[in-house]
Amino acid sequence: ALAPRCGCVLPGLQQLLAVPAVPGPASARPYAAAARTAKKDAKKDAQRPRQEKKEKEKPRPRRRPLMSKPVDDVYLTWLYKRPSYELGQAVAMLKRFQELDFTHPKQFVYITVSLDMALQKKKKVDPFSSSVTLPHRFTDEVNKVLVFTENTQEAEVAREHGAAIVGGVELIKWILEDEIQADFYVAVPAIIPKLIPLRNKLKRKYPSTRKNSLGSDIPKMLQFFRECHEYAVEDENVIKTRIARLDMPAEHIIANLKTIIHDICTFKPSNLDPIVQRLVIRSSTSEGLLLNLDGILPQVEKAEEEEKENAAIDEDQQKPDQEPV
């Protein structure tokens, strides 16, 4: 009975609806909230240098120095220094790991070499690759060698000594189109001016006298490159390469490792810091063992200093004693 009829509006309610609403503070000043936010951001920006200064002044928490040798058989590895081993000891450990794990005895042995490429005046040694003849071969694989020559007699000699591919300028097109590929490329001096189109394609494998791949003694070059071992710098300062088989005598593994390390050391002057900074040896199935570099790196500078000291001592001994006046 008290409800109004449909479509009817009470007189008082009609007056209220006709009065315009009073605007609120937010709608009256639409930029007030943005101004307050900007003011707070400005205050934070002003306080930020002070906070950064306080953070710099705070002493950094000291890291506990790593301990040298664990006492128990079970320990946290990150609390102790990584042990380093003598070369002979490490090779014996790798052989022992193979026996305990019942893995294949003829697996390969690998080394990972970390290099210091820095030179004087902020210069660096460019990443390089090299080939070396190991004293003890550990694989029956023979490298595929291509010989560039236009002389029929030289071509016949190259085929007799095991060249995989022999030819002249007609091979350039096939090499550029990747129809012909080889592990190493050898050339005689007479044809080298015609091979310039291959310089960018072959890059480090382009024949050169510095790499002993350019010369007239074809049999000697073929013997070297068919049996040589190649390694290269990866990731700017790391060399990863295999050096032997685990079933070889320990003396042969050590000799091959030293041969490669001594060849690596020739790429940096001996009067600077050694180029080899870290050396790890492992087999295909074992963990890596950090090696002690004493006795592995060539001791060129120390030998020269000792000779100078000995010469100075000899001169002092040969001088006659002066009598006091």
Foldseek 3Di string as FASTA:
>chain_A
DPDDDPPDDDPVVVVVVVDDDDDDPCVVDVCPVVVVVVVVVVVVVVCVVVVVVVVVPDDDDDDDDADDDDDDPDDDPVRHDADADALLVVLVVQQVVCVVVVDDQFFFKKKKFFFDQADPPRDGQFWDKAKDFAPDDADPAWWAEEEEDPDPVVQVVLVVLPHNYYYYLVCQVCVVVVVDDTPAYAYEVVRLVSCVVCCVVCPNRRADVVRPRYHDPNNVNNVRRGRIDMWTDPPGGMTMDTFHTSNDDSVSSLRSQLRVQAVVQVSDDPVDDGGTDWMWMHTPPDDIHTHDCVPRYDPPPVVVVVVVVVVVVVVVVPDDDDDDD
